[in-house]
PDB file of N, CA and C in Angstrom:
ATOM      1  N   MET A   1      15.958  -6.114 -10.050  1.00  0.00           N
ATOM      2  CA  MET A   1      15.492  -7.531  -9.531  1.00  0.00           C
ATOM      3  C   MET A   1      15.693  -7.275  -8.054  1.00  0.00           C
ATOM      4  N   LYS A   2      14.401  -7.781  -7.501  1.00  0.00           N
ATOM      5  CA  LYS A   2      14.117  -7.286  -6.336  1.00  0.00           C
ATOM      6  C   LYS A   2      13.974  -8.764  -5.542  1.00  0.00           C
ATOM      7  N   VAL A   3      14.358  -9.620  -4.662  1.00  0.00           N
ATOM      8  CA  VAL A   3      14.067 -10.605  -3.744  1.00  0.00           C
ATOM      9  C   VAL A   3      12.614 -11.153  -2.595  1.00  0.00           C
ATOM     10  N   PHE A   4      11.702 -11.642  -2.818  1.00  0.00           N
ATOM     11  CA  PHE A   4      11.306 -11.647  -2.194  1.00  0.00           C
ATOM     12  C   PHE A   4      10.529 -13.521  -0.853  1.00  0.00           C
ATOM     13  N   ASN A   5      10.566 -13.740  -0.186  1.00  0.00           N
ATOM     14  CA  ASN A   5      10.635 -14.365   0.604  1.00  0.00           C
ATOM     15  C   ASN A   5       8.851 -15.503  -0.015  1.00  0.00           C
ATOM     16  N   ALA A   6       9.507 -16.728   0.814  1.00  0.00           N
ATOM     17  CA  ALA A   6       7.665 -17.686   0.232  1.00  0.00           C
ATOM     18  C   ALA A   6       6.784 -16.985   0.599  1.00  0.00           C
ATOM     19  N   ILE A   7       6.639 -15.726   1.782  1.00  0.00           N
ATOM     20  CA  ILE A   7       5.091 -14.825   1.920  1.00  0.00           C
ATOM     21  C   ILE A   7       5.174 -13.675   1.004  1.00  0.00           C
ATOM     22  N   GLY A   8       6.470 -13.286  -0.397  1.00  0.00           N
ATOM     23  CA  GLY A   8       5.949 -12.217  -0.602  1.00  0.00           C
ATOM     24  C   GLY A   8       7.356 -10.861  -0.327  1.00  0.00           C
ATOM     25  N   ALA A   9       7.162 -11.213   1.019  1.00  0.00           N
ATOM     26  CA  ALA A   9       8.236 -10.060   1.634  1.00  0.00           C
ATOM     27  C   ALA A   9       9.339  -9.031   1.039  1.00  0.00           C
ATOM     28  N   ASP A  10       9.413  -8.363   0.073  1.00  0.00           N
ATOM     29  CA  ASP A  10      10.779  -8.023  -0.162  1.00  0.00           C
ATOM     30  C   ASP A  10      11.330  -8.131   0.413  1.00  0.00           C
ATOM     31  N   MET A  11      12.634  -8.650   0.367  1.00  0.00           N
ATOM     32  CA  MET A  11      13.266  -8.987   1.154  1.00  0.00           C
ATOM     33  C   MET A  11      14.575  -8.120   1.003  1.00  0.00           C
ATOM     34  N   GLY A  12      15.071  -7.003   0.145  1.00  0.00           N
ATOM     35  CA  GLY A  12      15.718  -5.757   0.428  1.00  0.00           C
ATOM     36  C   GLY A  12      17.322  -5.656  -0.793  1.00  0.00           C
ATOM     37  N   VAL A  13      17.347  -7.136  -1.076  1.00  0.00           N
ATOM     38  CA  VAL A  13      18.668  -7.273  -1.079  1.00  0.00           C
ATOM     39  C   VAL A  13      19.633  -7.069  -2.489  1.00  0.00           C
ATOM     40  N   PRO A  14      20.128  -6.336  -1.702  1.00  0.00           N
ATOM     41  CA  PRO A  14      21.425  -5.901  -3.272  1.00  0.00           C
ATOM     42  C   PRO A  14      21.933  -7.061  -4.370  1.00  0.00           C
ATOM     43  N   SER A  15      21.734  -6.282  -5.333  1.00  0.00           N
ATOM     44  CA  SER A  15      22.552  -7.066  -6.751  1.00  0.00           C
ATOM     45  C   SER A  15      22.837  -5.748  -7.825  1.00  0.00           C
ATOM     46  N   VAL A  16      23.569  -6.331  -8.477  1.00  0.00           N
ATOM     47  CA  VAL A  16      24.595  -6.046  -9.462  1.00  0.00           C
ATOM     48  C   VAL A  16      23.969  -7.037 -10.379  1.00  0.00           C
ATOM     49  N   TYR A  17      23.826  -6.148 -11.828  1.00  0.00           N
ATOM     50  CA  TYR A  17      23.660  -6.325 -13.059  1.00  0.00           C
ATOM     51  C   TYR A  17      25.122  -6.668 -13.971  1.00  0.00           C
ATOM     52  N   GLU A  18      25.730  -7.937 -14.854  1.00  0.00           N
ATOM     53  CA  GLU A  18      25.907  -7.851 -15.066  1.00  0.00           C
ATOM     54  C   GLU A  18      26.135  -8.043 -16.867  1.00  0.00           C
ATOM     55  N   GLY A  19      26.125  -7.286 -18.102  1.00  0.00           N
ATOM     56  CA  GLY A  19      24.895  -7.099 -19.144  1.00  0.00           C
ATOM     57  C   GLY A  19      25.425  -7.194 -20.055  1.00  0.00           C
ATOM     58  N   SER A  20      26.223  -8.082 -21.321  1.00  0.00           N
ATOM     59  CA  SER A  20      26.473  -7.649 -22.702  1.00  0.00           C
ATOM     60  C   SER A  20      26.030  -8.621 -23.542  1.00  0.00           C
ATOM     61  N   LYS A  21      25.752  -8.736 -24.603  1.00  0.00           N
ATOM     62  CA  LYS A  21      24.722  -8.927 -25.526  1.00  0.00           C
ATOM     63  C   LYS A  21      25.024 -10.013 -25.893  1.00  0.00           C
ATOM     64  N   GLY A  22      23.806 -10.482 -25.746  1.00  0.00           N
ATOM     65  CA  GLY A  22      23.406 -12.425 -25.234  1.00  0.00           C
ATOM     66  C   GLY A  22      23.764 -13.152 -24.080  1.00  0.00           C
ATOM     67  N   ASP A  23      24.157 -11.921 -22.833  1.00  0.00           N
ATOM     68  CA  ASP A  23      25.114 -12.797 -21.750  1.00  0.00           C
ATOM     69  C   ASP A  23      24.785 -12.001 -20.573  1.00  0.00           C
ATOM     70  N   ASN A  24      22.966 -11.814 -20.200  1.00  0.00           N
ATOM     71  CA  ASN A  24      22.551 -11.420 -19.016  1.00  0.00           C
ATOM     72  C   ASN A  24      23.163 -11.722 -17.273  1.00  0.00           C
ATOM     73  N   ARG A  25      23.969 -11.044 -16.419  1.00  0.00           N
ATOM     74  CA  ARG A  25      24.257 -12.002 -15.583  1.00  0.00           C
ATOM     75  C   ARG A  25      23.543 -11.103 -14.368  1.00  0.00           C
ATOM     76  N   TYR A  26      22.907 -11.904 -13.285  1.00  0.00           N
ATOM     77  CA  TYR A  26      23.107 -11.323 -11.864  1.00  0.00           C
ATOM     78  C   TYR A  26      23.730 -11.195 -10.730  1.00  0.00           C
ATOM     79  N   THR A  27      24.007 -10.739  -9.861  1.00  0.00           N
ATOM     80  CA  THR A  27      24.524 -10.823  -8.931  1.00  0.00           C
ATOM     81  C   THR A  27      24.138 -10.740  -7.401  1.00  0.00           C
ATOM     82  N   ILE A  28      23.551 -11.430  -6.529  1.00  0.00           N
ATOM     83  CA  ILE A  28      22.823 -10.999  -5.286  1.00  0.00           C
ATOM     84  C   ILE A  28      23.595 -11.494  -4.276  1.00  0.00           C
ATOM     85  N   ASP A  29      23.669 -10.190  -3.076  1.00  0.00           N
ATOM     86  CA  ASP A  29      23.988 -11.219  -1.707  1.00  0.00           C
ATOM     87  C   ASP A  29      23.290 -11.050  -0.981  1.00  0.00           C
ATOM     88  N   ILE A  30      23.878 -13.047   0.061  1.00  0.00           N
ATOM     89  CA  ILE A  30      22.008 -13.196  -0.076  1.00  0.00           C
ATOM     90  C   ILE A  30      23.413 -13.575   1.331  1.00  0.00           C
ATOM     91  N   ARG A  31      23.934 -13.911   2.119  1.00  0.00           N
ATOM     92  CA  ARG A  31      25.106 -14.001   3.142  1.00  0.00           C
ATOM     93  C   ARG A  31      24.328 -13.656   4.299  1.00  0.00           C
ATOM     94  N   HIS A  32      23.271 -12.699   4.336  1.00  0.00           N
ATOM     95  CA  HIS A  32      22.360 -11.879   5.464  1.00  0.00           C
ATOM     96  C   HIS A  32      20.896 -13.034   5.199  1.00  0.00           C
ATOM     97  N   LEU A  33      20.613 -13.552   4.383  1.00  0.00           N
ATOM     98  CA  LEU A  33      19.930 -14.182   4.177  1.00  0.00           C
ATOM     99  C   LEU A  33      19.391 -15.575   5.739  1.00  0.00           C
ATOM    100  N   PRO A  34      18.138 -16.027   5.549  1.00  0.00           N
ATOM    101  CA  PRO A  34      18.296 -17.117   7.046  1.00  0.00           C
ATOM    102  C   PRO A  34      18.492 -18.140   5.860  1.00  0.00           C
ATOM    103  N   GLN A  35      17.995 -19.912   6.278  1.00  0.00           N
ATOM    104  CA  GLN A  35      17.519 -20.152   5.191  1.00  0.00           C
ATOM    105  C   GLN A  35      16.618 -20.376   5.298  1.00  0.00           C
ATOM    106  N   GLY A  36      15.912 -20.970   3.028  1.00  0.00           N
ATOM    107  CA  GLY A  36      14.474 -20.808   2.858  1.00  0.00           C
ATOM    108  C   GLY A  36      14.694 -20.500   1.973  1.00  0.00           C
ATOM    109  N   ILE A  37      13.511 -20.438   0.808  1.00  0.00           N
ATOM    110  CA  ILE A  37      12.781 -20.051   0.249  1.00  0.00           C
ATOM    111  C   ILE A  37      12.836 -19.706  -0.322  1.00  0.00           C
ATOM    112  N   TYR A  38      12.880 -18.675  -1.978  1.00  0.00           N
ATOM    113  CA  TYR A  38      12.908 -16.850  -2.006  1.00  0.00           C
ATOM    114  C   TYR A  38      13.282 -17.198  -3.385  1.00  0.00           C
ATOM    115  N   PHE A  39      12.590 -15.695  -4.204  1.00  0.00           N
ATOM    116  CA  PHE A  39      11.993 -16.073  -5.297  1.00  0.00           C
ATOM    117  C   PHE A  39      12.658 -14.621  -5.548  1.00  0.00           C
ATOM    118  N   ALA A  40      13.628 -14.395  -6.600  1.00  0.00           N
ATOM    119  CA  ALA A  40      14.045 -13.329  -7.695  1.00  0.00           C
ATOM    120  C   ALA A  40      12.963 -12.845  -8.825  1.00  0.00           C
ATOM    121  N   ARG A  41      12.356 -11.564  -8.876  1.00  0.00           N
ATOM    122  CA  ARG A  41      11.789 -11.093 -10.315  1.00  0.00           C
ATOM    123  C   ARG A  41      12.737 -10.291 -10.319  1.00  0.00           C
ATOM    124  N   ILE A  42      12.430 -10.032 -11.779  1.00  0.00           N
ATOM    125  CA  ILE A  42      13.331  -9.073 -13.202  1.00  0.00           C
ATOM    126  C   ILE A  42      12.107  -9.184 -13.650  1.00  0.00           C
ATOM    127  N   LEU A  43      13.083  -7.193 -13.506  1.00  0.00           N
ATOM    128  CA  LEU A  43      12.549  -6.372 -13.805  1.00  0.00           C
ATOM    129  C   LEU A  43      13.250  -5.545 -15.430  1.00  0.00           C
ATOM    130  N   MET A  44      12.314  -5.194 -16.320  1.00  0.00           N
ATOM    131  CA  MET A  44      13.360  -4.922 -17.402  1.00  0.00           C
ATOM    132  C   MET A  44      12.874  -3.437 -18.299  1.00  0.00           C
ATOM    133  N   ASP A  45      12.908  -2.409 -17.980  1.00  0.00           N
ATOM    134  CA  ASP A  45      11.666  -1.792 -18.156  1.00  0.00           C
ATOM    135  C   ASP A  45      10.674  -0.887 -17.499  1.00  0.00           C
ATOM    136  N   GLY A  46      10.977  -1.615 -16.295  1.00  0.00           N
ATOM    137  CA  GLY A  46       9.747  -1.478 -15.596  1.00  0.00           C
ATOM    138  C   GLY A  46       8.854  -2.848 -16.395  1.00  0.00           C
ATOM    139  N   ALA A  47       9.036  -3.689 -16.769  1.00  0.00           N
ATOM    140  CA  ALA A  47       8.091  -4.335 -16.981  1.00  0.00           C
ATOM    141  C   ALA A  47       9.038  -5.790 -16.858  1.00  0.00           C
ATOM    142  N   LEU A  48       7.922  -6.773 -15.542  1.00  0.00           N
ATOM    143  CA  LEU A  48       8.313  -8.156 -15.751  1.00  0.00           C
ATOM    144  C   LEU A  48       9.364  -8.857 -16.648  1.00  0.00           C
ATOM    145  N   THR A  49      10.416  -9.974 -16.496  1.00  0.00           N
ATOM    146  CA  THR A  49      10.742 -10.510 -17.515  1.00  0.00           C
ATOM    147  C   THR A  49      10.365 -11.534 -16.668  1.00  0.00           C
ATOM    148  N   SER A  50      11.022 -11.862 -16.026  1.00  0.00           N
ATOM    149  CA  SER A  50      11.089 -13.799 -15.268  1.00  0.00           C
ATOM    150  C   SER A  50      11.159 -13.582 -14.019  1.00  0.00           C
ATOM    151  N   THR A  51      10.408 -14.713 -13.333  1.00  0.00           N
ATOM    152  CA  THR A  51      10.599 -14.749 -11.837  1.00  0.00           C
ATOM    153  C   THR A  51      11.393 -15.993 -11.881  1.00  0.00           C
ATOM    154  N   ARG A  52      12.548 -16.812 -10.706  1.00  0.00           N
ATOM    155  CA  ARG A  52      13.045 -17.727 -10.889  1.00  0.00           C
ATOM    156  C   ARG A  52      13.342 -17.606  -9.502  1.00  0.00           C
ATOM    157  N   ARG A  53      12.869 -19.283  -8.610  1.00  0.00           N
ATOM    158  CA  ARG A  53      12.417 -19.832  -7.304  1.00  0.00           C
ATOM    159  C   ARG A  53      14.095 -20.101  -7.201  1.00  0.00           C
ATOM    160  N   PHE A  54      14.686 -20.116  -5.750  1.00  0.00           N
ATOM    161  CA  PHE A  54      16.364 -20.314  -5.485  1.00  0.00           C
ATOM    162  C   PHE A  54      15.890 -20.668  -3.793  1.00  0.00           C
ATOM    163  N   MET A  55      16.439 -21.683  -2.810  1.00  0.00           N
ATOM    164  CA  MET A  55      16.771 -22.532  -1.776  1.00  0.00           C
ATOM    165  C   MET A  55      18.712 -21.597  -1.221  1.00  0.00           C
ATOM    166  N   VAL A  56      18.178 -20.704   0.354  1.00  0.00           N
ATOM    167  CA  VAL A  56      19.131 -20.945   0.631  1.00  0.00           C
ATOM    168  C   VAL A  56      19.124 -21.483   1.672  1.00  0.00           C
ATOM    169  N   ALA A  57      20.128 -22.378   1.424  1.00  0.00           N
ATOM    170  CA  ALA A  57      20.730 -24.104   2.483  1.00  0.00           C
ATOM    171  C   ALA A  57      22.124 -23.670   3.460  1.00  0.00           C
ATOM    172  N   ARG A  58      22.383 -23.645   4.007  1.00  0.00           N
ATOM    173  CA  ARG A  58      23.259 -23.395   5.166  1.00  0.00           C
ATOM    174  C   ARG A  58      24.525 -24.815   5.902  1.00  0.00           C
TER     175      ARG A  58
END
Protein backbone atom coordinates (compact mmCIF):
# COMPACT_ATOMS: atom_id res chain seq x y z
CA MET A 1 0.00 0.00 0.00
CA LYS A 2 1.17 3.51 -0.76
CA VAL A 3 -0.10 6.79 0.64
CA PHE A 4 -0.17 9.95 -1.49
CA ASN A 5 -1.07 13.54 -0.64
CA ALA A 6 -3.58 15.62 -2.60
CA ILE A 7 -0.99 16.62 -5.24
CA GLY A 8 0.20 13.05 -5.79
CA ALA A 9 3.46 12.96 -3.81
CA ASP A 10 4.26 9.59 -2.22
CA MET A 11 4.33 10.15 1.55
CA GLY A 12 6.37 7.03 2.39
CA VAL A 13 4.03 5.95 5.18
CA PRO A 14 4.78 2.53 6.68
CA SER A 15 1.92 0.02 6.53
CA VAL A 16 1.23 -3.42 7.97
CA TYR A 17 -0.93 -6.00 6.20
CA GLU A 18 -3.07 -8.32 8.31
CA GLY A 19 -5.04 -10.77 6.24
CA SER A 20 -7.03 -13.93 6.46
CA LYS A 21 -9.61 -15.46 4.16
CA GLY A 22 -12.37 -12.89 3.67
CA ASP A 23 -10.85 -10.35 6.08
CA ASN A 24 -8.01 -8.14 4.84
CA ARG A 25 -6.76 -5.13 6.81
CA TYR A 26 -4.00 -2.58 6.44
CA THR A 27 -2.77 -0.53 9.35
CA ILE A 28 -0.93 2.71 8.54
CA ASP A 29 1.08 5.01 10.78
CA ILE A 30 -0.15 8.57 10.20
CA ARG A 31 1.44 10.21 13.25
CA HIS A 32 3.97 12.16 11.18
CA LEU A 33 1.47 13.35 8.52
CA PRO A 34 0.25 16.95 8.69
CA GLN A 35 -3.46 17.74 8.45
CA GLY A 36 -4.87 17.23 5.00
CA ILE A 37 -6.47 14.87 2.51
CA TYR A 38 -4.62 11.73 1.47
CA PHE A 39 -5.14 8.74 -0.78
CA ALA A 40 -4.24 5.14 0.04
CA ARG A 41 -3.53 3.05 -3.05
CA ILE A 42 -3.67 -0.70 -2.54
CA LEU A 43 -1.76 -2.92 -4.94
CA MET A 44 -2.10 -6.70 -5.11
CA ASP A 45 0.37 -8.65 -7.24
CA GLY A 46 1.48 -5.38 -8.85
CA ALA A 47 -2.03 -4.50 -10.06
CA LEU A 48 -4.15 -1.67 -8.64
CA THR A 49 -7.04 -3.05 -6.61
CA SER A 50 -8.39 0.00 -4.78
CA THR A 51 -7.83 3.66 -3.95
CA ARG A 52 -9.34 5.15 -0.79
CA ARG A 53 -9.42 8.76 0.37
CA PHE A 54 -8.94 9.74 4.00
CA MET A 55 -8.44 12.91 5.99
CA VAL A 56 -6.04 13.64 8.84
CA ALA A 57 -7.45 16.18 11.29
CA ARG A 58 -5.86 17.09 14.59
